[in-house]
PDB file of N, CA and C in Angstrom:
ATOM      1  N   MET A   1       5.427 -26.761  -7.516  1.00  0.00           N
ATOM      2  CA  MET A   1       5.379 -28.033  -8.207  1.00  0.00           C
ATOM      3  C   MET A   1       6.674 -28.786  -7.960  1.00  0.00           C
ATOM      4  N   ALA A   2       6.587 -30.101  -8.000  1.00  0.00           N
ATOM      5  CA  ALA A   2       7.754 -30.947  -7.743  1.00  0.00           C
ATOM      6  C   ALA A   2       8.752 -30.843  -8.888  1.00  0.00           C
ATOM      7  N   ASN A   3      10.022 -30.738  -8.517  1.00  0.00           N
ATOM      8  CA  ASN A   3      11.065 -30.599  -9.525  1.00  0.00           C
ATOM      9  C   ASN A   3      11.824 -31.891  -9.777  1.00  0.00           C
ATOM     10  N   THR A   4      11.967 -32.722  -8.759  1.00  0.00           N
ATOM     11  CA  THR A   4      12.734 -33.952  -8.920  1.00  0.00           C
ATOM     12  C   THR A   4      11.805 -35.142  -9.085  1.00  0.00           C
ATOM     13  N   LYS A   5      12.398 -36.228  -9.572  1.00  0.00           N
ATOM     14  CA  LYS A   5      11.634 -37.446  -9.795  1.00  0.00           C
ATOM     15  C   LYS A   5      11.065 -37.976  -8.475  1.00  0.00           C
ATOM     16  N   SER A   6      11.887 -37.931  -7.428  1.00  0.00           N
ATOM     17  CA  SER A   6      11.438 -38.443  -6.123  1.00  0.00           C
ATOM     18  C   SER A   6      10.329 -37.568  -5.543  1.00  0.00           C
ATOM     19  N   ALA A   7      10.413 -36.265  -5.757  1.00  0.00           N
ATOM     20  CA  ALA A   7       9.374 -35.356  -5.267  1.00  0.00           C
ATOM     21  C   ALA A   7       8.057 -35.589  -6.013  1.00  0.00           C
ATOM     22  N   GLU A   8       8.157 -35.884  -7.297  1.00  0.00           N
ATOM     23  CA  GLU A   8       6.953 -36.179  -8.081  1.00  0.00           C
ATOM     24  C   GLU A   8       6.287 -37.457  -7.577  1.00  0.00           C
ATOM     25  N   LYS A   9       7.117 -38.454  -7.276  1.00  0.00           N
ATOM     26  CA  LYS A   9       6.587 -39.709  -6.754  1.00  0.00           C
ATOM     27  C   LYS A   9       5.922 -39.476  -5.392  1.00  0.00           C
ATOM     28  N   ARG A  10       6.579 -38.718  -4.535  1.00  0.00           N
ATOM     29  CA  ARG A  10       6.011 -38.393  -3.223  1.00  0.00           C
ATOM     30  C   ARG A  10       4.662 -37.704  -3.380  1.00  0.00           C
ATOM     31  N   ASN A  11       4.571 -36.829  -4.362  1.00  0.00           N
ATOM     32  CA  ASN A  11       3.323 -36.115  -4.621  1.00  0.00           C
ATOM     33  C   ASN A  11       2.217 -37.087  -5.038  1.00  0.00           C
ATOM     34  N   ARG A  12       2.568 -38.041  -5.910  1.00  0.00           N
ATOM     35  CA  ARG A  12       1.587 -39.047  -6.343  1.00  0.00           C
ATOM     36  C   ARG A  12       1.133 -39.892  -5.151  1.00  0.00           C
ATOM     37  N   GLN A  13       2.069 -40.284  -4.312  1.00  0.00           N
ATOM     38  CA  GLN A  13       1.733 -41.096  -3.140  1.00  0.00           C
ATOM     39  C   GLN A  13       0.829 -40.324  -2.182  1.00  0.00           C
ATOM     40  N   ALA A  14       1.149 -39.056  -1.999  1.00  0.00           N
ATOM     41  CA  ALA A  14       0.356 -38.221  -1.091  1.00  0.00           C
ATOM     42  C   ALA A  14      -1.077 -38.082  -1.596  1.00  0.00           C
ATOM     43  N   GLN A  15      -1.224 -37.946  -2.910  1.00  0.00           N
ATOM     44  CA  GLN A  15      -2.561 -37.819  -3.486  1.00  0.00           C
ATOM     45  C   GLN A  15      -3.368 -39.099  -3.287  1.00  0.00           C
ATOM     46  N   LYS A  16      -2.716 -40.257  -3.458  1.00  0.00           N
ATOM     47  CA  LYS A  16      -3.401 -41.538  -3.240  1.00  0.00           C
ATOM     48  C   LYS A  16      -3.832 -41.674  -1.787  1.00  0.00           C
ATOM     49  N   ARG A  17      -2.918 -41.348  -0.884  1.00  0.00           N
ATOM     50  CA  ARG A  17      -3.217 -41.458   0.550  1.00  0.00           C
ATOM     51  C   ARG A  17      -4.341 -40.510   0.949  1.00  0.00           C
ATOM     52  N   ARG A  18      -4.300 -39.308   0.407  1.00  0.00           N
ATOM     53  CA  ARG A  18      -5.329 -38.320   0.726  1.00  0.00           C
ATOM     54  C   ARG A  18      -6.706 -38.822   0.288  1.00  0.00           C
ATOM     55  N   ALA A  19      -6.767 -39.364  -0.924  1.00  0.00           N
ATOM     56  CA  ALA A  19      -8.041 -39.886  -1.437  1.00  0.00           C
ATOM     57  C   ALA A  19      -8.549 -41.020  -0.547  1.00  0.00           C
ATOM     58  N   ARG A  20      -7.650 -41.888  -0.129  1.00  0.00           N
ATOM     59  CA  ARG A  20      -8.015 -43.005   0.735  1.00  0.00           C
ATOM     60  C   ARG A  20      -8.511 -42.494   2.093  1.00  0.00           C
ATOM     61  N   ASN A  21      -7.798 -41.520   2.651  1.00  0.00           N
ATOM     62  CA  ASN A  21      -8.170 -40.977   3.957  1.00  0.00           C
ATOM     63  C   ASN A  21      -9.508 -40.253   3.912  1.00  0.00           C
ATOM     64  N   VAL A  22      -9.738 -39.510   2.835  1.00  0.00           N
ATOM     65  CA  VAL A  22     -11.016 -38.805   2.673  1.00  0.00           C
ATOM     66  C   VAL A  22     -12.156 -39.808   2.639  1.00  0.00           C
ATOM     67  N   ASN A  23     -11.942 -40.921   1.940  1.00  0.00           N
ATOM     68  CA  ASN A  23     -12.958 -41.964   1.842  1.00  0.00           C
ATOM     69  C   ASN A  23     -13.260 -42.569   3.215  1.00  0.00           C
ATOM     70  N   VAL A  24     -12.216 -42.845   3.983  1.00  0.00           N
ATOM     71  CA  VAL A  24     -12.399 -43.424   5.316  1.00  0.00           C
ATOM     72  C   VAL A  24     -13.116 -42.434   6.224  1.00  0.00           C
ATOM     73  N   ARG A  25     -12.714 -41.158   6.187  1.00  0.00           N
ATOM     74  CA  ARG A  25     -13.368 -40.140   7.014  1.00  0.00           C
ATOM     75  C   ARG A  25     -14.844 -40.005   6.671  1.00  0.00           C
ATOM     76  N   THR A  26     -15.166 -40.070   5.389  1.00  0.00           N
ATOM     77  CA  THR A  26     -16.551 -39.981   4.949  1.00  0.00           C
ATOM     78  C   THR A  26     -17.352 -41.163   5.488  1.00  0.00           C
ATOM     79  N   THR A  27     -16.753 -42.345   5.466  1.00  0.00           N
ATOM     80  CA  THR A  27     -17.419 -43.538   5.991  1.00  0.00           C
ATOM     81  C   THR A  27     -17.707 -43.378   7.479  1.00  0.00           C
ATOM     82  N   VAL A  28     -16.748 -42.831   8.206  1.00  0.00           N
ATOM     83  CA  VAL A  28     -16.934 -42.596   9.642  1.00  0.00           C
ATOM     84  C   VAL A  28     -18.082 -41.617   9.855  1.00  0.00           C
ATOM     85  N   LYS A  29     -18.081 -40.521   9.119  1.00  0.00           N
ATOM     86  CA  LYS A  29     -19.142 -39.519   9.260  1.00  0.00           C
ATOM     87  C   LYS A  29     -20.513 -40.121   8.968  1.00  0.00           C
ATOM     88  N   ASP A  30     -20.589 -40.958   7.928  1.00  0.00           N
ATOM     89  CA  ASP A  30     -21.855 -41.590   7.565  1.00  0.00           C
ATOM     90  C   ASP A  30     -22.354 -42.512   8.675  1.00  0.00           C
ATOM     91  N   ALA A  31     -21.433 -43.276   9.268  1.00  0.00           N
ATOM     92  CA  ALA A  31     -21.809 -44.204  10.338  1.00  0.00           C
ATOM     93  C   ALA A  31     -22.324 -43.435  11.555  1.00  0.00           C
ATOM     94  N   VAL A  32     -21.640 -42.357  11.904  1.00  0.00           N
ATOM     95  CA  VAL A  32     -22.056 -41.543  13.050  1.00  0.00           C
ATOM     96  C   VAL A  32     -23.407 -40.889  12.774  1.00  0.00           C
ATOM     97  N   LYS A  33     -23.565 -40.383  11.568  1.00  0.00           N
ATOM     98  CA  LYS A  33     -24.827 -39.743  11.180  1.00  0.00           C
ATOM     99  C   LYS A  33     -25.976 -40.749  11.246  1.00  0.00           C
ATOM    100  N   SER A  34     -25.707 -41.965  10.780  1.00  0.00           N
ATOM    101  CA  SER A  34     -26.716 -43.019  10.798  1.00  0.00           C
ATOM    102  C   SER A  34     -27.127 -43.358  12.227  1.00  0.00           C
ATOM    103  N   LEU A  35     -26.137 -43.443  13.114  1.00  0.00           N
ATOM    104  CA  LEU A  35     -26.435 -43.728  14.518  1.00  0.00           C
ATOM    105  C   LEU A  35     -27.260 -42.610  15.140  1.00  0.00           C
ATOM    106  N   ARG A  36     -26.859 -41.373  14.926  1.00  0.00           N
ATOM    107  CA  ARG A  36     -27.588 -40.237  15.506  1.00  0.00           C
ATOM    108  C   ARG A  36     -29.023 -40.175  14.981  1.00  0.00           C
ATOM    109  N   GLU A  37     -29.195 -40.503  13.708  1.00  0.00           N
ATOM    110  CA  GLU A  37     -30.528 -40.529  13.105  1.00  0.00           C
ATOM    111  C   GLU A  37     -31.373 -41.630  13.757  1.00  0.00           C
ATOM    112  N   THR A  38     -30.751 -42.783  13.975  1.00  0.00           N
ATOM    113  CA  THR A  38     -31.442 -43.897  14.626  1.00  0.00           C
ATOM    114  C   THR A  38     -31.856 -43.518  16.043  1.00  0.00           C
ATOM    115  N   LEU A  39     -30.980 -42.798  16.735  1.00  0.00           N
ATOM    116  CA  LEU A  39     -31.282 -42.382  18.109  1.00  0.00           C
ATOM    117  C   LEU A  39     -32.486 -41.446  18.168  1.00  0.00           C
ATOM    118  N   THR A  40     -32.577 -40.551  17.184  1.00  0.00           N
ATOM    119  CA  THR A  40     -33.667 -39.572  17.219  1.00  0.00           C
ATOM    120  C   THR A  40     -34.993 -40.151  16.713  1.00  0.00           C
ATOM    121  N   THR A  41     -34.940 -41.085  15.778  1.00  0.00           N
ATOM    122  CA  THR A  41     -36.174 -41.572  15.171  1.00  0.00           C
ATOM    123  C   THR A  41     -36.713 -42.848  15.810  1.00  0.00           C
ATOM    124  N   THR A  42     -35.825 -43.746  16.232  1.00  0.00           N
ATOM    125  CA  THR A  42     -36.256 -45.057  16.701  1.00  0.00           C
ATOM    126  C   THR A  42     -36.104 -45.191  18.207  1.00  0.00           C
ATOM    127  N   LYS A  43     -37.041 -45.869  18.810  1.00  0.00           N
ATOM    128  CA  LYS A  43     -36.954 -46.170  20.245  1.00  0.00           C
ATOM    129  C   LYS A  43     -36.551 -47.632  20.452  1.00  0.00           C
ATOM    130  N   ASP A  44     -36.255 -48.331  19.356  1.00  0.00           N
ATOM    131  CA  ASP A  44     -35.885 -49.743  19.414  1.00  0.00           C
ATOM    132  C   ASP A  44     -34.434 -49.894  19.875  1.00  0.00           C
ATOM    133  N   ALA A  45     -34.248 -50.573  20.997  1.00  0.00           N
ATOM    134  CA  ALA A  45     -32.911 -50.742  21.581  1.00  0.00           C
ATOM    135  C   ALA A  45     -32.016 -51.602  20.699  1.00  0.00           C
ATOM    136  N   ALA A  46     -32.590 -52.584  20.032  1.00  0.00           N
ATOM    137  CA  ALA A  46     -31.795 -53.479  19.179  1.00  0.00           C
ATOM    138  C   ALA A  46     -31.202 -52.724  17.987  1.00  0.00           C
ATOM    139  N   LYS A  47     -32.029 -51.871  17.386  1.00  0.00           N
ATOM    140  CA  LYS A  47     -31.554 -51.093  16.233  1.00  0.00           C
ATOM    141  C   LYS A  47     -30.453 -50.115  16.631  1.00  0.00           C
ATOM    142  N   THR A  48     -30.647 -49.447  17.755  1.00  0.00           N
ATOM    143  CA  THR A  48     -29.634 -48.490  18.199  1.00  0.00           C
ATOM    144  C   THR A  48     -28.349 -49.211  18.584  1.00  0.00           C
ATOM    145  N   GLY A  49     -28.486 -50.388  19.170  1.00  0.00           N
ATOM    146  CA  GLY A  49     -27.312 -51.185  19.530  1.00  0.00           C
ATOM    147  C   GLY A  49     -26.518 -51.597  18.302  1.00  0.00           C
ATOM    148  N   GLU A  50     -27.225 -52.005  17.264  1.00  0.00           N
ATOM    149  CA  GLU A  50     -26.561 -52.394  16.011  1.00  0.00           C
ATOM    150  C   GLU A  50     -25.880 -51.197  15.351  1.00  0.00           C
ATOM    151  N   ALA A  51     -26.563 -50.063  15.379  1.00  0.00           N
ATOM    152  CA  ALA A  51     -25.991 -48.851  14.788  1.00  0.00           C
ATOM    153  C   ALA A  51     -24.751 -48.406  15.557  1.00  0.00           C
ATOM    154  N   LEU A  52     -24.793 -48.529  16.885  1.00  0.00           N
ATOM    155  CA  LEU A  52     -23.624 -48.187  17.710  1.00  0.00           C
ATOM    156  C   LEU A  52     -22.465 -49.121  17.407  1.00  0.00           C
ATOM    157  N   LYS A  53     -22.766 -50.399  17.263  1.00  0.00           N
ATOM    158  CA  LYS A  53     -21.732 -51.390  16.958  1.00  0.00           C
ATOM    159  C   LYS A  53     -21.061 -51.072  15.621  1.00  0.00           C
ATOM    160  N   ALA A  54     -21.869 -50.723  14.622  1.00  0.00           N
ATOM    161  CA  ALA A  54     -21.335 -50.398  13.298  1.00  0.00           C
ATOM    162  C   ALA A  54     -20.480 -49.134  13.339  1.00  0.00           C
ATOM    163  N   ALA A  55     -20.971 -48.124  14.045  1.00  0.00           N
ATOM    164  CA  ALA A  55     -20.229 -46.864  14.141  1.00  0.00           C
ATOM    165  C   ALA A  55     -18.912 -47.074  14.885  1.00  0.00           C
ATOM    166  N   THR A  56     -18.958 -47.837  15.969  1.00  0.00           N
ATOM    167  CA  THR A  56     -17.756 -48.123  16.748  1.00  0.00           C
ATOM    168  C   THR A  56     -16.724 -48.834  15.887  1.00  0.00           C
ATOM    169  N   ARG A  57     -17.190 -49.779  15.112  1.00  0.00           N
ATOM    170  CA  ARG A  57     -16.287 -50.547  14.251  1.00  0.00           C
ATOM    171  C   ARG A  57     -15.609 -49.656  13.207  1.00  0.00           C
ATOM    172  N   THR A  58     -16.376 -48.792  12.562  1.00  0.00           N
ATOM    173  CA  THR A  58     -15.782 -47.935  11.531  1.00  0.00           C
ATOM    174  C   THR A  58     -14.807 -46.928  12.135  1.00  0.00           C
ATOM    175  N   ILE A  59     -15.144 -46.396  13.301  1.00  0.00           N
ATOM    176  CA  ILE A  59     -14.244 -45.443  13.965  1.00  0.00           C
ATOM    177  C   ILE A  59     -12.951 -46.141  14.381  1.00  0.00           C
ATOM    178  N   SER A  60     -13.071 -47.336  14.925  1.00  0.00           N
ATOM    179  CA  SER A  60     -11.884 -48.088  15.345  1.00  0.00           C
ATOM    180  C   SER A  60     -10.989 -48.429  14.165  1.00  0.00           C
ATOM    181  N   LYS A  61     -11.610 -48.791  13.055  1.00  0.00           N
ATOM    182  CA  LYS A  61     -10.835 -49.100  11.842  1.00  0.00           C
ATOM    183  C   LYS A  61     -10.075 -47.866  11.358  1.00  0.00           C
ATOM    184  N   ALA A  62     -10.752 -46.729  11.379  1.00  0.00           N
ATOM    185  CA  ALA A  62     -10.102 -45.484  10.950  1.00  0.00           C
ATOM    186  C   ALA A  62      -8.918 -45.154  11.846  1.00  0.00           C
ATOM    187  N   ALA A  63      -9.072 -45.396  13.142  1.00  0.00           N
ATOM    188  CA  ALA A  63      -7.983 -45.130  14.081  1.00  0.00           C
ATOM    189  C   ALA A  63      -6.819 -46.086  13.850  1.00  0.00           C
ATOM    190  N   SER A  64      -7.132 -47.342  13.571  1.00  0.00           N
ATOM    191  CA  SER A  64      -6.058 -48.323  13.362  1.00  0.00           C
ATOM    192  C   SER A  64      -5.294 -48.041  12.080  1.00  0.00           C
ATOM    193  N   LYS A  65      -5.957 -47.421  11.118  1.00  0.00           N
ATOM    194  CA  LYS A  65      -5.288 -47.057   9.860  1.00  0.00           C
ATOM    195  C   LYS A  65      -4.542 -45.735   9.966  1.00  0.00           C
ATOM    196  N   GLY A  66      -4.753 -45.027  11.078  1.00  0.00           N
ATOM    197  CA  GLY A  66      -4.060 -43.763  11.278  1.00  0.00           C
ATOM    198  C   GLY A  66      -4.756 -42.571  10.652  1.00  0.00           C
ATOM    199  N   VAL A  67      -5.987 -42.761  10.224  1.00  0.00           N
ATOM    200  CA  VAL A  67      -6.728 -41.661   9.604  1.00  0.00           C
ATOM    201  C   VAL A  67      -7.147 -40.650  10.657  1.00  0.00           C
ATOM    202  N   ILE A  68      -7.607 -41.144  11.805  1.00  0.00           N
ATOM    203  CA  ILE A  68      -7.886 -40.275  12.939  1.00  0.00           C
ATOM    204  C   ILE A  68      -7.051 -40.768  14.119  1.00  0.00           C
ATOM    205  N   HIS A  69      -6.788 -39.887  15.050  1.00  0.00           N
ATOM    206  CA  HIS A  69      -5.963 -40.244  16.208  1.00  0.00           C
ATOM    207  C   HIS A  69      -6.708 -41.216  17.110  1.00  0.00           C
ATOM    208  N   LYS A  70      -5.964 -42.103  17.765  1.00  0.00           N
ATOM    209  CA  LYS A  70      -6.616 -43.132  18.579  1.00  0.00           C
ATOM    210  C   LYS A  70      -7.394 -42.545  19.751  1.00  0.00           C
ATOM    211  N   ARG A  71      -6.917 -41.453  20.325  1.00  0.00           N
ATOM    212  CA  ARG A  71      -7.659 -40.840  21.430  1.00  0.00           C
ATOM    213  C   ARG A  71      -8.906 -40.120  20.927  1.00  0.00           C
ATOM    214  N   ALA A  72      -8.817 -39.549  19.746  1.00  0.00           N
ATOM    215  CA  ALA A  72      -9.995 -38.906  19.142  1.00  0.00           C
ATOM    216  C   ALA A  72     -11.055 -39.968  18.856  1.00  0.00           C
ATOM    217  N   ALA A  73     -10.607 -41.118  18.378  1.00  0.00           N
ATOM    218  CA  ALA A  73     -11.527 -42.225  18.103  1.00  0.00           C
ATOM    219  C   ALA A  73     -12.185 -42.696  19.392  1.00  0.00           C
ATOM    220  N   SER A  74     -11.386 -42.852  20.431  1.00  0.00           N
ATOM    221  CA  SER A  74     -11.890 -43.295  21.726  1.00  0.00           C
ATOM    222  C   SER A  74     -12.919 -42.310  22.273  1.00  0.00           C
ATOM    223  N   ARG A  75     -12.631 -41.029  22.126  1.00  0.00           N
ATOM    224  CA  ARG A  75     -13.542 -39.981  22.607  1.00  0.00           C
ATOM    225  C   ARG A  75     -14.866 -40.031  21.847  1.00  0.00           C
ATOM    226  N   ARG A  76     -14.786 -40.193  20.544  1.00  0.00           N
ATOM    227  CA  ARG A  76     -16.010 -40.261  19.736  1.00  0.00           C
ATOM    228  C   ARG A  76     -16.855 -41.465  20.102  1.00  0.00           C
ATOM    229  N   ILE A  77     -16.197 -42.612  20.242  1.00  0.00           N
ATOM    230  CA  ILE A  77     -16.915 -43.839  20.597  1.00  0.00           C
ATOM    231  C   ILE A  77     -17.586 -43.671  21.958  1.00  0.00           C
ATOM    232  N   SER A  78     -16.864 -43.084  22.901  1.00  0.00           N
ATOM    233  CA  SER A  78     -17.403 -42.867  24.242  1.00  0.00           C
ATOM    234  C   SER A  78     -18.638 -41.981  24.203  1.00  0.00           C
ATOM    235  N   ARG A  79     -18.566 -40.915  23.458  1.00  0.00           N
ATOM    236  CA  ARG A  79     -19.702 -39.984  23.372  1.00  0.00           C
ATOM    237  C   ARG A  79     -20.915 -40.644  22.725  1.00  0.00           C
ATOM    238  N   LEU A  80     -20.672 -41.446  21.689  1.00  0.00           N
ATOM    239  CA  LEU A  80     -21.778 -42.127  21.020  1.00  0.00           C
ATOM    240  C   LEU A  80     -22.414 -43.164  21.945  1.00  0.00           C
ATOM    241  N   ALA A  81     -21.576 -43.890  22.694  1.00  0.00           N
ATOM    242  CA  ALA A  81     -22.093 -44.890  23.626  1.00  0.00           C
ATOM    243  C   ALA A  81     -22.919 -44.220  24.718  1.00  0.00           C
ATOM    244  N   LYS A  82     -22.424 -43.084  25.191  1.00  0.00           N
ATOM    245  CA  LYS A  82     -23.135 -42.330  26.220  1.00  0.00           C
ATOM    246  C   LYS A  82     -24.510 -41.882  25.716  1.00  0.00           C
ATOM    247  N   ALA A  83     -24.542 -41.369  24.495  1.00  0.00           N
ATOM    248  CA  ALA A  83     -25.800 -40.912  23.899  1.00  0.00           C
ATOM    249  C   ALA A  83     -26.762 -42.080  23.717  1.00  0.00           C
ATOM    250  N   THR A  84     -26.236 -43.223  23.300  1.00  0.00           N
ATOM    251  CA  THR A  84     -27.066 -44.411  23.112  1.00  0.00           C
ATOM    252  C   THR A  84     -27.649 -44.872  24.441  1.00  0.00           C
ATOM    253  N   ASN A  85     -26.828 -44.892  25.477  1.00  0.00           N
ATOM    254  CA  ASN A  85     -27.301 -45.307  26.802  1.00  0.00           C
ATOM    255  C   ASN A  85     -28.360 -44.350  27.345  1.00  0.00           C
ATOM    256  N   ARG A  86     -28.167 -43.051  27.085  1.00  0.00           N
ATOM    257  CA  ARG A  86     -29.149 -42.053  27.518  1.00  0.00           C
ATOM    258  C   ARG A  86     -30.488 -42.290  26.817  1.00  0.00           C
ATOM    259  N   ALA A  87     -30.418 -42.578  25.527  1.00  0.00           N
ATOM    260  CA  ALA A  87     -31.652 -42.822  24.748  1.00  0.00           C
ATOM    261  C   ALA A  87     -32.354 -44.081  25.219  1.00  0.00           C
ATOM    262  N   LYS A  88     -31.567 -45.126  25.540  1.00  0.00           N
ATOM    263  CA  LYS A  88     -32.165 -46.365  26.027  1.00  0.00           C
ATOM    264  C   LYS A  88     -32.836 -46.145  27.382  1.00  0.00           C
ATOM    265  N   ALA A  89     -32.191 -45.356  28.246  1.00  0.00           N
ATOM    266  CA  ALA A  89     -32.761 -45.073  29.563  1.00  0.00           C
ATOM    267  C   ALA A  89     -34.050 -44.250  29.442  1.00  0.00           C
ATOM    268  N   ALA A  90     -34.060 -43.327  28.516  1.00  0.00           N
ATOM    269  CA  ALA A  90     -35.249 -42.497  28.313  1.00  0.00           C
ATOM    270  C   ALA A  90     -36.407 -43.301  27.742  1.00  0.00           C
ATOM    271  N   ALA A  91     -36.092 -44.327  26.964  1.00  0.00           N
ATOM    272  CA  ALA A  91     -37.136 -45.163  26.348  1.00  0.00           C
ATOM    273  C   ALA A  91     -37.837 -46.037  27.367  1.00  0.00           C
ATOM    274  N   LYS A  92     -37.150 -46.357  28.466  1.00  0.00           N
ATOM    275  CA  LYS A  92     -37.749 -47.247  29.473  1.00  0.00           C
ATOM    276  C   LYS A  92     -38.746 -46.575  30.339  1.00  0.00           C
TER     277      LYS A  92
END
């Protein structure tokens, strides 16, 4: 446990940041899950495109806030785009 006033404050700040980061990570997971669900259930290119756009946006926001690393974000976006393109090609 924190013994000094500054350590207690640091602890409070860390707890706030952790809660914020958990929330952002959950949002990213939800967006990715939504996209993957759209890919498996729908053959509509417009819907999958919109879902990819939303997922890309949330991942990029998380990276810009420092919640996830920028290269990890880039890798995730790339993989999702690849999966979307594969699904679109299979639908044709």
